[in-house]
Every structure is written in C-alpha cells, then in structure tokens.
Amino acid sequence: MTLLLEVQDLSVTYGSFKALNGASLRVEKGEIHGLIGPNGSGKTTMLNVVCGFARARAGSIAFADARIERLPVHRRAAMGLGRTFQGIAVFSELSVMENVLVGLHLRDSQSFFRSCIPFLGQAAELENQQRALAALKWAGLEGSTAVPAGTLSFGGQRMLDLARAMVATPSLLLLDEPAAGLNPNEVAQLAAIVREFRARGSTVVVVEHHLKFVMGLCDRITVLNFGQTIAADTPDKVQKNPAVIEAYLGPDHVSIDAH
C-alpha cells in the first residue's frame, strides 16, 4: 500500500515535560489506523503536531509525499487534513445544517469567492447544501437538519461534529476520542460511519481508549507510552505485545477479537 502519512522522530516539550520523545507514526493510504496508549502518552499531541496546532522541537512530517511540518494549519487543511477534537464544539444556536455548512465554508477556499458572484453563488450554495445533507445522512442526522444543534443529545452532537469534519471529504481524517460518552448503539453507528468514509476513499486515524471499538475497527494500531512509539502492528499482534501489555493493557487483559 501507499504511505500517506509518515511522522518520524517527533519531539515536543512543554517546559521540562516531554510530550513526545522521538515518536513515529506511519499511516498507509486507505487504512483505518488506531493510536492508543495511557493517558499522557502523547496521542493528542501527535494529532496537534500533524495538524499544525502545535510545533515539534525536532522531527519530520510527510503527508502525501510533501513535507508539512513548517506549513500553517490552513495550508495543511487545504491539502486534505481533517480533524475532530476531544470536546464537542458545535454552534448551539445554529441549526444542524448550518453547523455543517459552516464547516464546509471554513475548509473550502473557493466558497467565499463563488458566493460573491450571484449566478455562481447560487449554484455553489446548492452544491454545498447537497454535500452537507449527504454528510448528515452518513451521521444519521438527516431528519434533524432544521433543529438547533444545542438541542441534540450528547451522542447527536458527537455525530454532528463528525459530519462537519467529513463534509469536506478530507483525504486524511484525524479523530480524537470520537467514542467518548457514546452508548453502545452509538458506538456501533460510529464504527459503521468510519468504515463507510474509508470505503469512499479516505484514510482515518483514530485516537481512542475504547479498546473494543479500536480493535474491531482498525487495520493497524500504533501504541505510544511516555511520548515514544512502543509498537505498531495489527490489532491481534498489538494485544500480544509484551511492551503494550506492561504499559497499557495490563496482565489481565483478555484479547479482543479484531474481526
């Protein structure tokens, strides 16, 4: 398979704390890749550095055969990097549809230009609404397009956040703990959405503590501990890795069927 993202020897420090200490991550095009590890192991920092929200003291990041570690956030997004965050950040007063349209306008540099020309603007707005509706259908929210986003359940707002990230069809979507706070039915729905997104041509990296979700969803998994990469392999092999068992899973861990 083709390598889409290659992170090598990243180091990030905050004062005396080493958030990342020579960590690496390799993600192949078309896969769903898990990133797991104990709290404070550097998972979110890794996503922040890849997206440009944090800068590394050392190391390199190659995305789609281009070095991006010195590029600003908007340039990386324009190249096809999408991201969700641990917390939910919907616009409560706006409708569900408007939330997704905002996400699309923020990522599509052509939207503003087209909107300034009447006949182009109308066509562009119709196209954006169709794209937004398609993303909401993926997220199971097509029946709630007109309701204020703040009235959705916690799980509904999670799905809206995901739809907003998916609407621009990024080539690489980074999900930071998307299953946090979801009930079992919502977790199953989330897994189906991520698989469908991959089936449509995108690549996904998932940071998550929900081990059953990760093991059943991901093709490969990278494990961080104290800012270092201690394993990178298939879910079955990661669960049997002695370093991962000692650092994260624990001796009483019962292997989860990856299929």
C-alpha atoms as a PDB file:
ATOM      1  CA  MET A   1       0.000   0.000   0.000  1.00  0.00           C
ATOM      2  CA  THR A   2       0.993   3.657  -0.445  1.00  0.00           C
ATOM      3  CA  LEU A   3       2.264   5.561   2.571  1.00  0.00           C
ATOM      4  CA  LEU A   4       0.073   8.641   3.137  1.00  0.00           C
ATOM      5  CA  LEU A   5       1.452   9.990   6.423  1.00  0.00           C
ATOM      6  CA  GLU A   6       4.922   9.457   7.818  1.00  0.00           C
ATOM      7  CA  VAL A   7       5.902  11.046  11.114  1.00  0.00           C
ATOM      8  CA  GLN A   8       9.497  10.478  12.179  1.00  0.00           C
ATOM      9  CA  ASP A   9      11.293  11.157  15.453  1.00  0.00           C
ATOM     10  CA  LEU A  10       8.939  13.875  16.722  1.00  0.00           C
ATOM     11  CA  SER A  11       9.930  15.630  19.923  1.00  0.00           C
ATOM     12  CA  VAL A  12       7.655  18.099  21.716  1.00  0.00           C
ATOM     13  CA  THR A  13       8.447  19.606  25.101  1.00  0.00           C
ATOM     14  CA  TYR A  14       6.449  21.802  27.450  1.00  0.00           C
ATOM     15  CA  GLY A  15       8.957  23.113  29.943  1.00  0.00           C
ATOM     16  CA  SER A  16      10.671  20.026  31.323  1.00  0.00           C
ATOM     17  CA  PHE A  17       7.852  17.691  30.255  1.00  0.00           C
ATOM     18  CA  LYS A  18       8.492  15.644  27.107  1.00  0.00           C
ATOM     19  CA  ALA A  19       5.071  15.190  25.496  1.00  0.00           C
ATOM     20  CA  LEU A  20       6.675  13.420  22.547  1.00  0.00           C
ATOM     21  CA  ASN A  21      10.150  11.963  22.724  1.00  0.00           C
ATOM     22  CA  GLY A  22      11.223  10.667  19.316  1.00  0.00           C
ATOM     23  CA  ALA A  23       7.776   9.277  18.418  1.00  0.00           C
ATOM     24  CA  SER A  24       6.961   7.968  14.955  1.00  0.00           C
ATOM     25  CA  LEU A  25       3.749   7.155  13.084  1.00  0.00           C
ATOM     26  CA  ARG A  26       3.236   5.596   9.648  1.00  0.00           C
ATOM     27  CA  VAL A  27      -0.240   5.566   8.099  1.00  0.00           C
ATOM     28  CA  GLU A  28      -0.969   3.862   4.789  1.00  0.00           C
ATOM     29  CA  LYS A  29      -3.469   5.237   2.302  1.00  0.00           C
ATOM     30  CA  GLY A  30      -6.923   3.723   2.677  1.00  0.00           C
ATOM     31  CA  GLU A  31      -6.500   2.244   6.148  1.00  0.00           C
ATOM     32  CA  ILE A  32      -8.157   2.904   9.473  1.00  0.00           C
ATOM     33  CA  HIS A  33      -5.284   3.373  11.886  1.00  0.00           C
ATOM     34  CA  GLY A  34      -5.597   3.378  15.658  1.00  0.00           C
ATOM     35  CA  LEU A  35      -3.427   5.429  18.012  1.00  0.00           C
ATOM     36  CA  ILE A  36      -3.638   4.235  21.610  1.00  0.00           C
ATOM     37  CA  GLY A  37      -1.732   4.473  24.876  1.00  0.00           C
ATOM     38  CA  PRO A  38      -2.072   5.527  28.516  1.00  0.00           C
ATOM     39  CA  ASN A  39      -3.267   8.998  29.475  1.00  0.00           C
ATOM     40  CA  GLY A  40      -0.460  11.483  28.893  1.00  0.00           C
ATOM     41  CA  SER A  41       1.349   9.237  26.417  1.00  0.00           C
ATOM     42  CA  GLY A  42       1.283  11.878  23.664  1.00  0.00           C
ATOM     43  CA  LYS A  43      -1.627  10.815  21.456  1.00  0.00           C
ATOM     44  CA  THR A  44      -3.419  14.168  21.224  1.00  0.00           C
ATOM     45  CA  THR A  45      -0.084  15.967  20.990  1.00  0.00           C
ATOM     46  CA  MET A  46       0.716  13.806  17.972  1.00  0.00           C
ATOM     47  CA  LEU A  47      -2.525  14.866  16.267  1.00  0.00           C
ATOM     48  CA  ASN A  48      -1.904  18.508  17.174  1.00  0.00           C
ATOM     49  CA  VAL A  49       1.552  18.456  15.616  1.00  0.00           C
ATOM     50  CA  VAL A  50       0.333  16.702  12.456  1.00  0.00           C
ATOM     51  CA  CYS A  51      -2.417  19.323  12.012  1.00  0.00           C
ATOM     52  CA  GLY A  52      -0.195  22.267  12.901  1.00  0.00           C
ATOM     53  CA  PHE A  53      -1.801  23.274  16.208  1.00  0.00           C
ATOM     54  CA  ALA A  54       1.491  22.516  17.959  1.00  0.00           C
ATOM     55  CA  ARG A  55       5.080  22.672  16.768  1.00  0.00           C
ATOM     56  CA  ALA A  56       7.691  19.982  17.256  1.00  0.00           C
ATOM     57  CA  ARG A  57      11.180  20.762  18.535  1.00  0.00           C
ATOM     58  CA  ALA A  58      12.578  18.045  16.277  1.00  0.00           C
ATOM     59  CA  GLY A  59      11.393  15.512  13.725  1.00  0.00           C
ATOM     60  CA  SER A  60       9.653  15.471  10.349  1.00  0.00           C
ATOM     61  CA  ILE A  61       6.126  15.068   8.965  1.00  0.00           C
ATOM     62  CA  ALA A  62       5.454  13.945   5.391  1.00  0.00           C
ATOM     63  CA  PHE A  63       1.881  13.966   4.089  1.00  0.00           C
ATOM     64  CA  ALA A  64       1.021  12.912   0.533  1.00  0.00           C
ATOM     65  CA  ASP A  65       4.725  12.981  -0.364  1.00  0.00           C
ATOM     66  CA  ALA A  66       5.187  16.568   0.872  1.00  0.00           C
ATOM     67  CA  ARG A  67       6.969  17.819   3.984  1.00  0.00           C
ATOM     68  CA  ILE A  68       4.430  19.785   6.027  1.00  0.00           C
ATOM     69  CA  GLU A  69       5.969  20.426   9.460  1.00  0.00           C
ATOM     70  CA  ARG A  70       6.567  24.106   8.644  1.00  0.00           C
ATOM     71  CA  LEU A  71       3.188  24.743   6.997  1.00  0.00           C
ATOM     72  CA  PRO A  72       0.413  26.682   8.816  1.00  0.00           C
ATOM     73  CA  VAL A  73      -2.826  24.965   9.825  1.00  0.00           C
ATOM     74  CA  HIS A  74      -4.891  26.281   6.899  1.00  0.00           C
ATOM     75  CA  ARG A  75      -2.357  25.048   4.339  1.00  0.00           C
ATOM     76  CA  ARG A  76      -2.440  21.568   5.825  1.00  0.00           C
ATOM     77  CA  ALA A  77      -6.247  21.592   5.828  1.00  0.00           C
ATOM     78  CA  ALA A  78      -6.253  22.653   2.168  1.00  0.00           C
ATOM     79  CA  MET A  79      -4.036  19.647   1.392  1.00  0.00           C
ATOM     80  CA  GLY A  80      -6.710  17.326   2.783  1.00  0.00           C
ATOM     81  CA  LEU A  81      -6.157  17.066   6.545  1.00  0.00           C
ATOM     82  CA  GLY A  82      -9.357  16.998   8.629  1.00  0.00           C
ATOM     83  CA  ARG A  83      -9.681  16.850  12.410  1.00  0.00           C
ATOM     84  CA  THR A  84     -12.121  16.444  15.279  1.00  0.00           C
ATOM     85  CA  PHE A  85     -11.323  17.226  18.917  1.00  0.00           C
ATOM     86  CA  GLN A  86     -11.996  15.567  22.262  1.00  0.00           C
ATOM     87  CA  GLY A  87     -14.539  18.174  23.304  1.00  0.00           C
ATOM     88  CA  ILE A  88     -17.740  18.929  21.418  1.00  0.00           C
ATOM     89  CA  ALA A  89     -17.725  22.362  19.786  1.00  0.00           C
ATOM     90  CA  VAL A  90     -20.997  22.782  17.922  1.00  0.00           C
ATOM     91  CA  PHE A  91     -22.626  26.169  17.346  1.00  0.00           C
ATOM     92  CA  SER A  92     -25.599  25.655  19.645  1.00  0.00           C
ATOM     93  CA  GLU A  93     -27.760  28.467  18.264  1.00  0.00           C
ATOM     94  CA  LEU A  94     -27.299  27.449  14.637  1.00  0.00           C
ATOM     95  CA  SER A  95     -29.246  24.665  13.006  1.00  0.00           C
ATOM     96  CA  VAL A  96     -27.723  21.267  12.379  1.00  0.00           C
ATOM     97  CA  MET A  97     -27.489  22.049   8.661  1.00  0.00           C
ATOM     98  CA  GLU A  98     -25.899  25.454   9.301  1.00  0.00           C
ATOM     99  CA  ASN A  99     -23.245  23.845  11.506  1.00  0.00           C
ATOM    100  CA  VAL A 100     -22.161  21.572   8.681  1.00  0.00           C
ATOM    101  CA  LEU A 101     -22.262  24.407   6.136  1.00  0.00           C
ATOM    102  CA  VAL A 102     -20.007  26.494   8.378  1.00  0.00           C
ATOM    103  CA  GLY A 103     -17.536  23.621   8.451  1.00  0.00           C
ATOM    104  CA  LEU A 104     -17.653  23.385   4.681  1.00  0.00           C
ATOM    105  CA  HIS A 105     -17.149  27.120   4.115  1.00  0.00           C
ATOM    106  CA  LEU A 106     -14.221  27.192   6.527  1.00  0.00           C
ATOM    107  CA  ARG A 107     -12.466  24.425   4.596  1.00  0.00           C
ATOM    108  CA  ASP A 108     -13.413  25.419   1.035  1.00  0.00           C
ATOM    109  CA  SER A 109     -11.414  28.457  -0.056  1.00  0.00           C
ATOM    110  CA  GLN A 110     -13.488  28.700  -3.237  1.00  0.00           C
ATOM    111  CA  SER A 111     -16.824  29.043  -1.424  1.00  0.00           C
ATOM    112  CA  PHE A 112     -16.356  32.690  -0.455  1.00  0.00           C
ATOM    113  CA  PHE A 113     -15.151  33.666  -3.944  1.00  0.00           C
ATOM    114  CA  ARG A 114     -18.088  31.971  -5.658  1.00  0.00           C
ATOM    115  CA  SER A 115     -20.577  33.468  -3.206  1.00  0.00           C
ATOM    116  CA  CYS A 116     -19.502  36.960  -4.319  1.00  0.00           C
ATOM    117  CA  ILE A 117     -20.753  36.313  -7.872  1.00  0.00           C
ATOM    118  CA  PRO A 118     -24.563  35.959  -7.940  1.00  0.00           C
ATOM    119  CA  PHE A 119     -25.032  33.187 -10.512  1.00  0.00           C
ATOM    120  CA  LEU A 120     -22.008  31.272  -9.202  1.00  0.00           C
ATOM    121  CA  GLY A 121     -23.043  31.874  -5.614  1.00  0.00           C
ATOM    122  CA  GLN A 122     -26.473  30.277  -6.044  1.00  0.00           C
ATOM    123  CA  ALA A 123     -25.033  27.194  -7.693  1.00  0.00           C
ATOM    124  CA  ALA A 124     -22.299  26.928  -5.075  1.00  0.00           C
ATOM    125  CA  GLU A 125     -24.770  27.215  -2.205  1.00  0.00           C
ATOM    126  CA  LEU A 126     -26.955  24.472  -3.678  1.00  0.00           C
ATOM    127  CA  GLU A 127     -23.901  22.255  -4.117  1.00  0.00           C
ATOM    128  CA  ASN A 128     -22.813  22.925  -0.527  1.00  0.00           C
ATOM    129  CA  GLN A 129     -26.270  22.079   0.820  1.00  0.00           C
ATOM    130  CA  GLN A 130     -26.261  18.802  -1.088  1.00  0.00           C
ATOM    131  CA  ARG A 131     -22.833  17.939   0.287  1.00  0.00           C
ATOM    132  CA  ALA A 132     -23.917  18.888   3.801  1.00  0.00           C
ATOM    133  CA  LEU A 133     -27.057  16.759   3.550  1.00  0.00           C
ATOM    134  CA  ALA A 134     -25.008  13.791   2.350  1.00  0.00           C
ATOM    135  CA  ALA A 135     -22.703  14.141   5.381  1.00  0.00           C
ATOM    136  CA  LEU A 136     -25.699  14.388   7.715  1.00  0.00           C
ATOM    137  CA  LYS A 137     -27.153  11.219   6.197  1.00  0.00           C
ATOM    138  CA  TRP A 138     -23.881   9.415   6.964  1.00  0.00           C
ATOM    139  CA  ALA A 139     -24.192  10.623  10.538  1.00  0.00           C
ATOM    140  CA  GLY A 140     -27.866   9.667  10.813  1.00  0.00           C
ATOM    141  CA  LEU A 141     -28.994  13.281  11.272  1.00  0.00           C
ATOM    142  CA  GLU A 142     -30.855  13.890   8.011  1.00  0.00           C
ATOM    143  CA  GLY A 143     -34.121  14.172   9.959  1.00  0.00           C
ATOM    144  CA  SER A 144     -32.775  16.945  12.200  1.00  0.00           C
ATOM    145  CA  THR A 145     -31.389  19.443   9.687  1.00  0.00           C
ATOM    146  CA  ALA A 146     -33.503  22.397  10.885  1.00  0.00           C
ATOM    147  CA  VAL A 147     -33.290  21.906  14.648  1.00  0.00           C
ATOM    148  CA  PRO A 148     -30.834  23.957  16.762  1.00  0.00           C
ATOM    149  CA  ALA A 149     -27.644  21.977  17.281  1.00  0.00           C
ATOM    150  CA  GLY A 150     -27.721  22.644  21.001  1.00  0.00           C
ATOM    151  CA  THR A 151     -30.927  20.617  21.368  1.00  0.00           C
ATOM    152  CA  LEU A 152     -29.313  17.412  20.124  1.00  0.00           C
ATOM    153  CA  SER A 153     -28.332  14.724  22.607  1.00  0.00           C
ATOM    154  CA  PHE A 154     -24.676  14.334  23.528  1.00  0.00           C
ATOM    155  CA  GLY A 155     -24.393  11.493  21.030  1.00  0.00           C
ATOM    156  CA  GLY A 156     -26.159  13.548  18.381  1.00  0.00           C
ATOM    157  CA  GLN A 157     -23.716  16.403  18.858  1.00  0.00           C
ATOM    158  CA  ARG A 158     -20.821  13.946  18.536  1.00  0.00           C
ATOM    159  CA  MET A 159     -22.258  12.753  15.220  1.00  0.00           C
ATOM    160  CA  LEU A 160     -22.741  16.354  14.082  1.00  0.00           C
ATOM    161  CA  ASP A 161     -19.110  17.109  14.890  1.00  0.00           C
ATOM    162  CA  LEU A 162     -18.122  14.115  12.787  1.00  0.00           C
ATOM    163  CA  ALA A 163     -20.370  15.184   9.891  1.00  0.00           C
ATOM    164  CA  ARG A 164     -18.815  18.647   9.950  1.00  0.00           C
ATOM    165  CA  ALA A 165     -15.349  17.110   9.661  1.00  0.00           C
ATOM    166  CA  MET A 166     -16.412  14.695   6.927  1.00  0.00           C
ATOM    167  CA  VAL A 167     -18.264  17.155   4.694  1.00  0.00           C
ATOM    168  CA  ALA A 168     -15.095  18.447   3.054  1.00  0.00           C
ATOM    169  CA  THR A 169     -14.076  14.816   2.325  1.00  0.00           C
ATOM    170  CA  PRO A 170     -10.526  15.115   3.671  1.00  0.00           C
ATOM    171  CA  SER A 171      -8.067  12.559   2.378  1.00  0.00           C
ATOM    172  CA  LEU A 172      -6.915  12.017   5.984  1.00  0.00           C
ATOM    173  CA  LEU A 173      -9.352  12.418   8.885  1.00  0.00           C
ATOM    174  CA  LEU A 174      -7.961  12.509  12.430  1.00  0.00           C
ATOM    175  CA  LEU A 175     -10.498  11.586  15.131  1.00  0.00           C
ATOM    176  CA  ASP A 176      -9.670  12.359  18.764  1.00  0.00           C
ATOM    177  CA  GLU A 177     -11.667  10.083  21.103  1.00  0.00           C
ATOM    178  CA  PRO A 178     -14.836  10.053  18.958  1.00  0.00           C
ATOM    179  CA  ALA A 179     -16.474   7.277  21.003  1.00  0.00           C
ATOM    180  CA  ALA A 180     -16.136   9.058  24.362  1.00  0.00           C
ATOM    181  CA  GLY A 181     -19.518   9.313  26.071  1.00  0.00           C
ATOM    182  CA  LEU A 182     -21.420   7.324  23.451  1.00  0.00           C
ATOM    183  CA  ASN A 183     -23.726   4.440  24.294  1.00  0.00           C
ATOM    184  CA  PRO A 184     -23.162   1.002  22.681  1.00  0.00           C
ATOM    185  CA  ASN A 185     -25.623   1.648  19.844  1.00  0.00           C
ATOM    186  CA  GLU A 186     -23.962   4.970  19.054  1.00  0.00           C
ATOM    187  CA  VAL A 187     -20.507   3.359  19.139  1.00  0.00           C
ATOM    188  CA  ALA A 188     -21.682   0.765  16.605  1.00  0.00           C
ATOM    189  CA  GLN A 189     -23.131   3.559  14.444  1.00  0.00           C
ATOM    190  CA  LEU A 190     -19.847   5.466  14.676  1.00  0.00           C
ATOM    191  CA  ALA A 191     -17.871   2.419  13.545  1.00  0.00           C
ATOM    192  CA  ALA A 192     -20.189   1.979  10.544  1.00  0.00           C
ATOM    193  CA  ILE A 193     -19.774   5.657   9.590  1.00  0.00           C
ATOM    194  CA  VAL A 194     -15.981   5.466   9.775  1.00  0.00           C
ATOM    195  CA  ARG A 195     -15.926   2.303   7.646  1.00  0.00           C
ATOM    196  CA  GLU A 196     -18.198   3.938   5.064  1.00  0.00           C
ATOM    197  CA  PHE A 197     -15.983   7.008   4.990  1.00  0.00           C
ATOM    198  CA  ARG A 198     -12.963   4.797   4.326  1.00  0.00           C
ATOM    199  CA  ALA A 199     -14.897   2.920   1.631  1.00  0.00           C
ATOM    200  CA  ARG A 200     -15.407   6.252  -0.153  1.00  0.00           C
ATOM    201  CA  GLY A 201     -11.657   6.756  -0.451  1.00  0.00           C
ATOM    202  CA  SER A 202     -10.473   8.440   2.747  1.00  0.00           C
ATOM    203  CA  THR A 203      -7.934   7.388   5.353  1.00  0.00           C
ATOM    204  CA  VAL A 204      -8.704   7.641   9.075  1.00  0.00           C
ATOM    205  CA  VAL A 205      -6.587   7.860  12.232  1.00  0.00           C
ATOM    206  CA  VAL A 206      -8.471   7.219  15.482  1.00  0.00           C
ATOM    207  CA  VAL A 207      -7.237   8.126  18.970  1.00  0.00           C
ATOM    208  CA  GLU A 208      -9.365   6.202  21.423  1.00  0.00           C
ATOM    209  CA  HIS A 209      -9.455   4.471  24.828  1.00  0.00           C
ATOM    210  CA  HIS A 210     -12.452   2.302  23.888  1.00  0.00           C
ATOM    211  CA  LEU A 211     -10.418  -0.826  23.179  1.00  0.00           C
ATOM    212  CA  LYS A 212     -13.224  -2.983  21.793  1.00  0.00           C
ATOM    213  CA  PHE A 213     -14.081  -0.201  19.340  1.00  0.00           C
ATOM    214  CA  VAL A 214     -10.443   0.266  18.271  1.00  0.00           C
ATOM    215  CA  MET A 215      -9.575  -3.414  17.981  1.00  0.00           C
ATOM    216  CA  GLY A 216     -12.664  -4.176  15.939  1.00  0.00           C
ATOM    217  CA  LEU A 217     -12.352  -1.156  13.659  1.00  0.00           C
ATOM    218  CA  CYS A 218      -8.682  -0.586  12.876  1.00  0.00           C
ATOM    219  CA  ASP A 219      -6.449  -2.284  10.329  1.00  0.00           C
ATOM    220  CA  ARG A 220      -3.296  -1.358  12.227  1.00  0.00           C
ATOM    221  CA  ILE A 221      -2.544   0.251  15.566  1.00  0.00           C
ATOM    222  CA  THR A 222       0.334   2.379  16.877  1.00  0.00           C
ATOM    223  CA  VAL A 223       0.921   2.474  20.633  1.00  0.00           C
ATOM    224  CA  LEU A 224       2.545   5.376  22.473  1.00  0.00           C
ATOM    225  CA  ASN A 225       3.937   5.421  26.008  1.00  0.00           C
ATOM    226  CA  PHE A 226       5.759   8.344  27.652  1.00  0.00           C
ATOM    227  CA  GLY A 227       5.928  10.077  24.281  1.00  0.00           C
ATOM    228  CA  GLN A 228       7.574   7.161  22.492  1.00  0.00           C
ATOM    229  CA  THR A 229       6.288   4.623  19.973  1.00  0.00           C
ATOM    230  CA  ILE A 230       6.453   1.180  21.564  1.00  0.00           C
ATOM    231  CA  ALA A 231       4.521  -0.836  18.977  1.00  0.00           C
ATOM    232  CA  ALA A 232       2.949  -0.606  15.519  1.00  0.00           C
ATOM    233  CA  ASP A 233       1.170  -3.650  14.155  1.00  0.00           C
ATOM    234  CA  THR A 234      -2.176  -5.350  13.550  1.00  0.00           C
ATOM    235  CA  PRO A 235      -4.705  -5.367  16.420  1.00  0.00           C
ATOM    236  CA  ASP A 236      -4.111  -9.073  17.147  1.00  0.00           C
ATOM    237  CA  LYS A 237      -0.342  -8.655  17.388  1.00  0.00           C
ATOM    238  CA  VAL A 238      -0.536  -5.408  19.377  1.00  0.00           C
ATOM    239  CA  GLN A 239      -2.666  -7.128  22.024  1.00  0.00           C
ATOM    240  CA  LYS A 240       0.006  -9.812  22.441  1.00  0.00           C
ATOM    241  CA  ASN A 241       2.951  -7.411  22.517  1.00  0.00           C
ATOM    242  CA  PRO A 242       4.649  -7.656  25.960  1.00  0.00           C
ATOM    243  CA  ALA A 243       5.587  -3.955  25.993  1.00  0.00           C
ATOM    244  CA  VAL A 244       1.981  -2.940  25.278  1.00  0.00           C
ATOM    245  CA  ILE A 245       0.620  -5.318  27.916  1.00  0.00           C
ATOM    246  CA  GLU A 246       3.009  -3.918  30.511  1.00  0.00           C
ATOM    247  CA  ALA A 247       2.483  -0.239  29.638  1.00  0.00           C
ATOM    248  CA  TYR A 248      -1.212  -0.127  28.822  1.00  0.00           C
ATOM    249  CA  LEU A 249      -3.343  -3.257  28.591  1.00  0.00           C
ATOM    250  CA  GLY A 250      -2.284  -4.905  31.851  1.00  0.00           C
ATOM    251  CA  PRO A 251      -1.600  -8.575  32.594  1.00  0.00           C
ATOM    252  CA  ASP A 252      -5.294  -9.421  32.984  1.00  0.00           C
ATOM    253  CA  HIS A 253      -6.230  -8.151  29.514  1.00  0.00           C
ATOM    254  CA  VAL A 254      -8.322 -10.619  27.531  1.00  0.00           C
ATOM    255  CA  SER A 255      -7.668 -10.380  23.798  1.00  0.00           C
ATOM    256  CA  ILE A 256     -10.498  -8.781  21.842  1.00  0.00           C
ATOM    257  CA  ASP A 257     -11.477 -10.347  18.545  1.00  0.00           C
ATOM    258  CA  ALA A 258     -10.237  -7.932  15.902  1.00  0.00           C
ATOM    259  CA  HIS A 259     -12.862  -9.192  13.478  1.00  0.00           C
END
